[in-house]
Amino acid sequence: MMADNSSDTNELIEAASKGNREKWGTLLARHRDRLRRMVALRMDRRLQGRIDPSDVIQEASLEASHRFSEYLQNPTMPFFLWLRFLTGQKLLELHRTHLKAQVRDAGREVSLYHGSLPETTSAALAAHLVGHLTRPSEAAIRAEMKIRLQEALNSMGALDREVLSLRHFEHLTNAETAQELGIQEAAASKRYIRALKRLKEILVSMPGGLGEM
């Protein structure tokens, strides 16, 4: 599985395995932005503003440092997906700690996919999408769009929603998405194209024809 990493990632891993702390820091830093996108998308909305995504990533980085030898002995996935998994587990721990006594008001909100990481909801996905399409001052438009997008996302298959989340919002590659979901790359690609087409149709049908993504 080390071959699934890029050549420069493998070079950094090799240097870090020999105790080069600078290379280890470089290895972690190159994935920070992608991890931040994942945490921002999957953090429960009730914790937003209370927990900084950087703190989640920092805790995961410390965990990765402690468990790096385990990865070297059995690298069953690309380094980024391993780091993403550890970050997701830290986020799950925070959810359990802070939200164990709270109950979510589901409403129109549904989970995108039941995987090993915190679930992304249609509400979170819609909120992120609306944030890219409207200005903060357009509160009424944002609220209406969010509801319509959420309902549309709810009508899509759970796996298609998760593929859309991984590819379009977390910016995972098709190969990474396929491995994360345990499906063939061809199937992941077809699902992404289908989901993206459906989402664009929804956006075009909205007032103002907001079809550019």
C-alpha atoms as a PDB file:
ATOM      1  CA  MET A   1       0.000   0.000   0.000  1.00  0.00           C
ATOM      2  CA  MET A   2       2.982   2.327   0.270  1.00  0.00           C
ATOM      3  CA  ALA A   3       2.751   2.492  -3.536  1.00  0.00           C
ATOM      4  CA  ASP A   4      -0.601   4.253  -3.132  1.00  0.00           C
ATOM      5  CA  ASN A   5       1.231   7.264  -1.720  1.00  0.00           C
ATOM      6  CA  SER A   6       2.878   9.740  -4.053  1.00  0.00           C
ATOM      7  CA  SER A   7       6.625   9.363  -4.469  1.00  0.00           C
ATOM      8  CA  ASP A   8       7.376  12.531  -2.502  1.00  0.00           C
ATOM      9  CA  THR A   9       5.043  11.399   0.306  1.00  0.00           C
ATOM     10  CA  ASN A  10       6.922   8.099   0.480  1.00  0.00           C
ATOM     11  CA  GLU A  11      10.213   9.997   0.636  1.00  0.00           C
ATOM     12  CA  LEU A  12       8.911  12.048   3.568  1.00  0.00           C
ATOM     13  CA  ILE A  13       7.623   8.909   5.280  1.00  0.00           C
ATOM     14  CA  GLU A  14      10.996   7.225   4.874  1.00  0.00           C
ATOM     15  CA  ALA A  15      12.832  10.247   6.295  1.00  0.00           C
ATOM     16  CA  ALA A  16      10.358  10.552   9.173  1.00  0.00           C
ATOM     17  CA  SER A  17      10.735   6.843   9.950  1.00  0.00           C
ATOM     18  CA  LYS A  18      14.443   7.506  10.542  1.00  0.00           C
ATOM     19  CA  GLY A  19      13.659  10.190  13.109  1.00  0.00           C
ATOM     20  CA  ASN A  20      13.715  13.310  10.940  1.00  0.00           C
ATOM     21  CA  ARG A  21      11.241  15.527  12.817  1.00  0.00           C
ATOM     22  CA  GLU A  22      11.400  18.289  10.214  1.00  0.00           C
ATOM     23  CA  LYS A  23      10.248  15.898   7.491  1.00  0.00           C
ATOM     24  CA  TRP A  24       7.521  14.582   9.801  1.00  0.00           C
ATOM     25  CA  GLY A  25       6.268  18.130  10.276  1.00  0.00           C
ATOM     26  CA  THR A  26       6.297  18.678   6.526  1.00  0.00           C
ATOM     27  CA  LEU A  27       4.375  15.443   6.016  1.00  0.00           C
ATOM     28  CA  LEU A  28       1.636  16.547   8.425  1.00  0.00           C
ATOM     29  CA  ALA A  29       1.512  20.126   7.136  1.00  0.00           C
ATOM     30  CA  ARG A  30       0.869  19.111   3.528  1.00  0.00           C
ATOM     31  CA  HIS A  31      -2.438  17.471   4.557  1.00  0.00           C
ATOM     32  CA  ARG A  32      -3.678  20.120   7.007  1.00  0.00           C
ATOM     33  CA  ASP A  33      -5.956  22.003   4.615  1.00  0.00           C
ATOM     34  CA  ARG A  34      -7.675  18.823   3.434  1.00  0.00           C
ATOM     35  CA  LEU A  35      -8.218  17.692   7.014  1.00  0.00           C
ATOM     36  CA  ARG A  36      -9.630  21.090   7.921  1.00  0.00           C
ATOM     37  CA  ARG A  37     -12.228  20.765   5.159  1.00  0.00           C
ATOM     38  CA  MET A  38     -13.237  17.374   6.487  1.00  0.00           C
ATOM     39  CA  VAL A  39     -13.566  18.586  10.073  1.00  0.00           C
ATOM     40  CA  ALA A  40     -15.500  21.705   9.058  1.00  0.00           C
ATOM     41  CA  LEU A  41     -17.963  19.613   7.066  1.00  0.00           C
ATOM     42  CA  ARG A  42     -18.424  16.830   9.618  1.00  0.00           C
ATOM     43  CA  MET A  43     -18.340  18.723  12.906  1.00  0.00           C
ATOM     44  CA  ASP A  44     -21.780  18.746  14.524  1.00  0.00           C
ATOM     45  CA  ARG A  45     -23.338  22.168  14.099  1.00  0.00           C
ATOM     46  CA  ARG A  46     -23.894  22.420  17.859  1.00  0.00           C
ATOM     47  CA  LEU A  47     -20.111  22.423  18.379  1.00  0.00           C
ATOM     48  CA  GLN A  48     -19.285  25.012  15.736  1.00  0.00           C
ATOM     49  CA  GLY A  49     -17.877  28.075  17.442  1.00  0.00           C
ATOM     50  CA  ARG A  50     -17.085  26.050  20.557  1.00  0.00           C
ATOM     51  CA  ILE A  51     -14.356  23.840  19.102  1.00  0.00           C
ATOM     52  CA  ASP A  52     -11.655  25.013  16.706  1.00  0.00           C
ATOM     53  CA  PRO A  53     -10.973  22.575  13.843  1.00  0.00           C
ATOM     54  CA  SER A  54      -7.258  23.288  14.332  1.00  0.00           C
ATOM     55  CA  ASP A  55      -7.442  21.768  17.813  1.00  0.00           C
ATOM     56  CA  VAL A  56      -8.991  18.581  16.398  1.00  0.00           C
ATOM     57  CA  ILE A  57      -6.249  18.331  13.782  1.00  0.00           C
ATOM     58  CA  GLN A  58      -3.546  18.996  16.389  1.00  0.00           C
ATOM     59  CA  GLU A  59      -4.828  16.170  18.604  1.00  0.00           C
ATOM     60  CA  ALA A  60      -4.953  13.851  15.602  1.00  0.00           C
ATOM     61  CA  SER A  61      -1.387  14.816  14.667  1.00  0.00           C
ATOM     62  CA  LEU A  62      -0.199  13.883  18.156  1.00  0.00           C
ATOM     63  CA  GLU A  63      -2.028  10.570  17.862  1.00  0.00           C
ATOM     64  CA  ALA A  64      -0.395   9.987  14.489  1.00  0.00           C
ATOM     65  CA  SER A  65       3.039  10.655  16.009  1.00  0.00           C
ATOM     66  CA  HIS A  66       2.412   8.051  18.696  1.00  0.00           C
ATOM     67  CA  ARG A  67       1.097   5.484  16.217  1.00  0.00           C
ATOM     68  CA  PHE A  68       3.411   6.148  13.275  1.00  0.00           C
ATOM     69  CA  SER A  69       5.345   2.929  13.890  1.00  0.00           C
ATOM     70  CA  GLU A  70       2.058   1.006  13.606  1.00  0.00           C
ATOM     71  CA  TYR A  71       1.425   2.561  10.221  1.00  0.00           C
ATOM     72  CA  LEU A  72       4.921   1.683   9.037  1.00  0.00           C
ATOM     73  CA  GLN A  73       4.458  -1.940  10.068  1.00  0.00           C
ATOM     74  CA  ASN A  74       1.089  -2.302   8.392  1.00  0.00           C
ATOM     75  CA  PRO A  75       0.317   0.492   5.886  1.00  0.00           C
ATOM     76  CA  THR A  76      -3.107  -0.772   4.783  1.00  0.00           C
ATOM     77  CA  MET A  77      -4.121   2.589   3.320  1.00  0.00           C
ATOM     78  CA  PRO A  78      -2.477   5.710   1.874  1.00  0.00           C
ATOM     79  CA  PHE A  79      -0.979   7.973   4.523  1.00  0.00           C
ATOM     80  CA  PHE A  80      -3.550  10.726   4.000  1.00  0.00           C
ATOM     81  CA  LEU A  81      -6.500   8.370   4.475  1.00  0.00           C
ATOM     82  CA  TRP A  82      -4.860   7.028   7.636  1.00  0.00           C
ATOM     83  CA  LEU A  83      -4.399  10.565   8.961  1.00  0.00           C
ATOM     84  CA  ARG A  84      -7.963  11.414   7.944  1.00  0.00           C
ATOM     85  CA  PHE A  85      -9.240   8.366   9.829  1.00  0.00           C
ATOM     86  CA  LEU A  86      -7.395   9.388  13.011  1.00  0.00           C
ATOM     87  CA  THR A  87      -8.758  12.924  12.693  1.00  0.00           C
ATOM     88  CA  GLY A  88     -12.274  11.585  12.244  1.00  0.00           C
ATOM     89  CA  GLN A  89     -11.908   9.424  15.335  1.00  0.00           C
ATOM     90  CA  LYS A  90     -10.824  12.458  17.376  1.00  0.00           C
ATOM     91  CA  LEU A  91     -13.856  14.333  16.105  1.00  0.00           C
ATOM     92  CA  LEU A  92     -16.091  11.408  17.093  1.00  0.00           C
ATOM     93  CA  GLU A  93     -14.623  11.487  20.595  1.00  0.00           C
ATOM     94  CA  LEU A  94     -15.439  15.190  20.886  1.00  0.00           C
ATOM     95  CA  HIS A  95     -18.986  14.567  19.689  1.00  0.00           C
ATOM     96  CA  ARG A  96     -19.480  11.877  22.324  1.00  0.00           C
ATOM     97  CA  THR A  97     -17.966  14.010  25.080  1.00  0.00           C
ATOM     98  CA  HIS A  98     -19.860  17.204  24.365  1.00  0.00           C
ATOM     99  CA  LEU A  99     -23.134  15.890  22.970  1.00  0.00           C
ATOM    100  CA  LYS A 100     -23.812  12.717  24.954  1.00  0.00           C
ATOM    101  CA  ALA A 101     -26.693  14.336  26.852  1.00  0.00           C
ATOM    102  CA  GLN A 102     -28.127  16.214  23.886  1.00  0.00           C
ATOM    103  CA  VAL A 103     -30.655  15.045  21.332  1.00  0.00           C
ATOM    104  CA  ARG A 104     -30.571  16.257  17.745  1.00  0.00           C
ATOM    105  CA  ASP A 105     -33.729  17.828  16.354  1.00  0.00           C
ATOM    106  CA  ALA A 106     -33.720  15.901  13.100  1.00  0.00           C
ATOM    107  CA  GLY A 107     -36.372  17.726  11.063  1.00  0.00           C
ATOM    108  CA  ARG A 108     -35.373  17.459   7.431  1.00  0.00           C
ATOM    109  CA  GLU A 109     -31.820  16.507   8.357  1.00  0.00           C
ATOM    110  CA  VAL A 110     -30.545  13.064   7.356  1.00  0.00           C
ATOM    111  CA  SER A 111     -27.144  11.421   7.507  1.00  0.00           C
ATOM    112  CA  LEU A 112     -25.243  11.173   4.272  1.00  0.00           C
ATOM    113  CA  TYR A 113     -23.627   7.830   4.888  1.00  0.00           C
ATOM    114  CA  HIS A 114     -22.920   5.536   7.832  1.00  0.00           C
ATOM    115  CA  GLY A 115     -19.149   5.147   7.756  1.00  0.00           C
ATOM    116  CA  SER A 116     -16.302   5.108  10.282  1.00  0.00           C
ATOM    117  CA  LEU A 117     -16.114   8.900  10.518  1.00  0.00           C
ATOM    118  CA  PRO A 118     -18.633  11.384  11.931  1.00  0.00           C
ATOM    119  CA  GLU A 119     -21.655  11.535   9.682  1.00  0.00           C
ATOM    120  CA  THR A 120     -22.131  14.484   7.396  1.00  0.00           C
ATOM    121  CA  THR A 121     -25.757  15.570   7.222  1.00  0.00           C
ATOM    122  CA  SER A 122     -27.763  17.029   4.390  1.00  0.00           C
ATOM    123  CA  ALA A 123     -28.098  20.173   6.506  1.00  0.00           C
ATOM    124  CA  ALA A 124     -24.330  20.584   6.796  1.00  0.00           C
ATOM    125  CA  LEU A 125     -23.787  19.909   3.107  1.00  0.00           C
ATOM    126  CA  ALA A 126     -26.526  22.363   2.117  1.00  0.00           C
ATOM    127  CA  ALA A 127     -25.118  25.028   4.449  1.00  0.00           C
ATOM    128  CA  HIS A 128     -21.635  24.701   2.937  1.00  0.00           C
ATOM    129  CA  LEU A 129     -23.017  24.866  -0.585  1.00  0.00           C
ATOM    130  CA  VAL A 130     -25.206  27.894   0.123  1.00  0.00           C
ATOM    131  CA  GLY A 131     -22.238  29.623   1.710  1.00  0.00           C
ATOM    132  CA  HIS A 132     -20.401  29.394  -1.628  1.00  0.00           C
ATOM    133  CA  LEU A 133     -23.364  30.676  -3.638  1.00  0.00           C
ATOM    134  CA  THR A 134     -24.673  33.626  -1.652  1.00  0.00           C
ATOM    135  CA  ARG A 135     -23.416  36.601   0.330  1.00  0.00           C
ATOM    136  CA  PRO A 136     -23.915  36.730   4.121  1.00  0.00           C
ATOM    137  CA  SER A 137     -26.220  39.740   3.671  1.00  0.00           C
ATOM    138  CA  GLU A 138     -28.685  37.674   1.654  1.00  0.00           C
ATOM    139  CA  ALA A 139     -30.164  35.999   4.723  1.00  0.00           C
ATOM    140  CA  ALA A 140     -33.637  35.309   3.329  1.00  0.00           C
ATOM    141  CA  ILE A 141     -32.265  33.868   0.092  1.00  0.00           C
ATOM    142  CA  ARG A 142     -29.782  31.734   2.013  1.00  0.00           C
ATOM    143  CA  ALA A 143     -32.471  30.294   4.277  1.00  0.00           C
ATOM    144  CA  GLU A 144     -34.779  29.398   1.380  1.00  0.00           C
ATOM    145  CA  MET A 145     -31.962  27.891  -0.679  1.00  0.00           C
ATOM    146  CA  LYS A 146     -30.745  25.852   2.272  1.00  0.00           C
ATOM    147  CA  ILE A 147     -34.167  24.295   2.779  1.00  0.00           C
ATOM    148  CA  ARG A 148     -34.580  23.459  -0.899  1.00  0.00           C
ATOM    149  CA  LEU A 149     -31.070  22.052  -1.198  1.00  0.00           C
ATOM    150  CA  GLN A 150     -31.523  19.990   1.936  1.00  0.00           C
ATOM    151  CA  GLU A 151     -34.745  18.486   0.618  1.00  0.00           C
ATOM    152  CA  ALA A 152     -33.093  17.751  -2.721  1.00  0.00           C
ATOM    153  CA  LEU A 153     -30.080  16.116  -1.060  1.00  0.00           C
ATOM    154  CA  ASN A 154     -32.422  14.017   1.072  1.00  0.00           C
ATOM    155  CA  SER A 155     -33.938  12.643  -2.131  1.00  0.00           C
ATOM    156  CA  MET A 156     -30.565  11.349  -3.344  1.00  0.00           C
ATOM    157  CA  GLY A 157     -29.142   7.976  -2.365  1.00  0.00           C
ATOM    158  CA  ALA A 158     -26.980   7.939   0.760  1.00  0.00           C
ATOM    159  CA  LEU A 159     -23.909   6.630  -1.063  1.00  0.00           C
ATOM    160  CA  ASP A 160     -24.290   9.238  -3.827  1.00  0.00           C
ATOM    161  CA  ARG A 161     -24.472  11.993  -1.216  1.00  0.00           C
ATOM    162  CA  GLU A 162     -21.316  10.731   0.445  1.00  0.00           C
ATOM    163  CA  VAL A 163     -19.461  10.491  -2.867  1.00  0.00           C
ATOM    164  CA  LEU A 164     -20.498  14.080  -3.560  1.00  0.00           C
ATOM    165  CA  SER A 165     -19.276  15.123  -0.137  1.00  0.00           C
ATOM    166  CA  LEU A 166     -15.917  13.373  -0.480  1.00  0.00           C
ATOM    167  CA  ARG A 167     -15.171  14.459  -4.032  1.00  0.00           C
ATOM    168  CA  HIS A 168     -16.668  17.941  -4.266  1.00  0.00           C
ATOM    169  CA  PHE A 169     -16.286  19.282  -0.727  1.00  0.00           C
ATOM    170  CA  GLU A 170     -13.395  17.333   0.811  1.00  0.00           C
ATOM    171  CA  HIS A 171     -11.557  17.207  -2.538  1.00  0.00           C
ATOM    172  CA  LEU A 172     -10.599  13.539  -2.277  1.00  0.00           C
ATOM    173  CA  THR A 173      -9.418  11.929  -5.483  1.00  0.00           C
ATOM    174  CA  ASN A 174     -11.547   9.290  -7.153  1.00  0.00           C
ATOM    175  CA  ALA A 175      -9.122   6.582  -5.988  1.00  0.00           C
ATOM    176  CA  GLU A 176      -9.227   7.851  -2.394  1.00  0.00           C
ATOM    177  CA  THR A 177     -13.023   8.021  -2.495  1.00  0.00           C
ATOM    178  CA  ALA A 178     -13.299   4.473  -3.811  1.00  0.00           C
ATOM    179  CA  GLN A 179     -10.985   3.127  -1.128  1.00  0.00           C
ATOM    180  CA  GLU A 180     -12.738   5.076   1.617  1.00  0.00           C
ATOM    181  CA  LEU A 181     -16.126   3.644   0.614  1.00  0.00           C
ATOM    182  CA  GLY A 182     -14.912   0.192  -0.324  1.00  0.00           C
ATOM    183  CA  ILE A 183     -16.133   0.339  -3.933  1.00  0.00           C
ATOM    184  CA  GLN A 184     -14.479   0.130  -7.342  1.00  0.00           C
ATOM    185  CA  GLU A 185     -12.985   3.309  -8.803  1.00  0.00           C
ATOM    186  CA  ALA A 186     -15.256   3.068 -11.851  1.00  0.00           C
ATOM    187  CA  ALA A 187     -18.301   2.884  -9.599  1.00  0.00           C
ATOM    188  CA  ALA A 188     -17.120   5.856  -7.538  1.00  0.00           C
ATOM    189  CA  SER A 189     -16.599   7.903 -10.705  1.00  0.00           C
ATOM    190  CA  LYS A 190     -20.050   7.064 -12.087  1.00  0.00           C
ATOM    191  CA  ARG A 191     -21.740   7.909  -8.800  1.00  0.00           C
ATOM    192  CA  TYR A 192     -19.922  11.244  -8.560  1.00  0.00           C
ATOM    193  CA  ILE A 193     -20.860  12.259 -12.114  1.00  0.00           C
ATOM    194  CA  ARG A 194     -24.467  11.294 -11.475  1.00  0.00           C
ATOM    195  CA  ALA A 195     -24.653  13.118  -8.148  1.00  0.00           C
ATOM    196  CA  LEU A 196     -22.970  16.236  -9.532  1.00  0.00           C
ATOM    197  CA  LYS A 197     -25.328  16.303 -12.504  1.00  0.00           C
ATOM    198  CA  ARG A 198     -28.336  16.005 -10.206  1.00  0.00           C
ATOM    199  CA  LEU A 199     -27.064  18.768  -7.935  1.00  0.00           C
ATOM    200  CA  LYS A 200     -26.434  21.111 -10.867  1.00  0.00           C
ATOM    201  CA  GLU A 201     -29.966  20.467 -12.128  1.00  0.00           C
ATOM    202  CA  ILE A 202     -31.268  21.476  -8.702  1.00  0.00           C
ATOM    203  CA  LEU A 203     -29.202  24.665  -8.655  1.00  0.00           C
ATOM    204  CA  VAL A 204     -30.195  25.672 -12.182  1.00  0.00           C
ATOM    205  CA  SER A 205     -33.873  25.285 -11.271  1.00  0.00           C
ATOM    206  CA  MET A 206     -33.546  27.713  -8.381  1.00  0.00           C
ATOM    207  CA  PRO A 207     -34.374  31.427  -8.723  1.00  0.00           C
ATOM    208  CA  GLY A 208     -31.484  33.128 -10.463  1.00  0.00           C
ATOM    209  CA  GLY A 209     -30.217  29.906 -12.023  1.00  0.00           C
ATOM    210  CA  LEU A 210     -27.375  29.307  -9.567  1.00  0.00           C
ATOM    211  CA  GLY A 211     -25.809  26.516 -11.555  1.00  0.00           C
ATOM    212  CA  GLU A 212     -22.131  27.419 -11.329  1.00  0.00           C
ATOM    213  CA  MET A 213     -20.224  25.306  -8.786  1.00  0.00           C
END
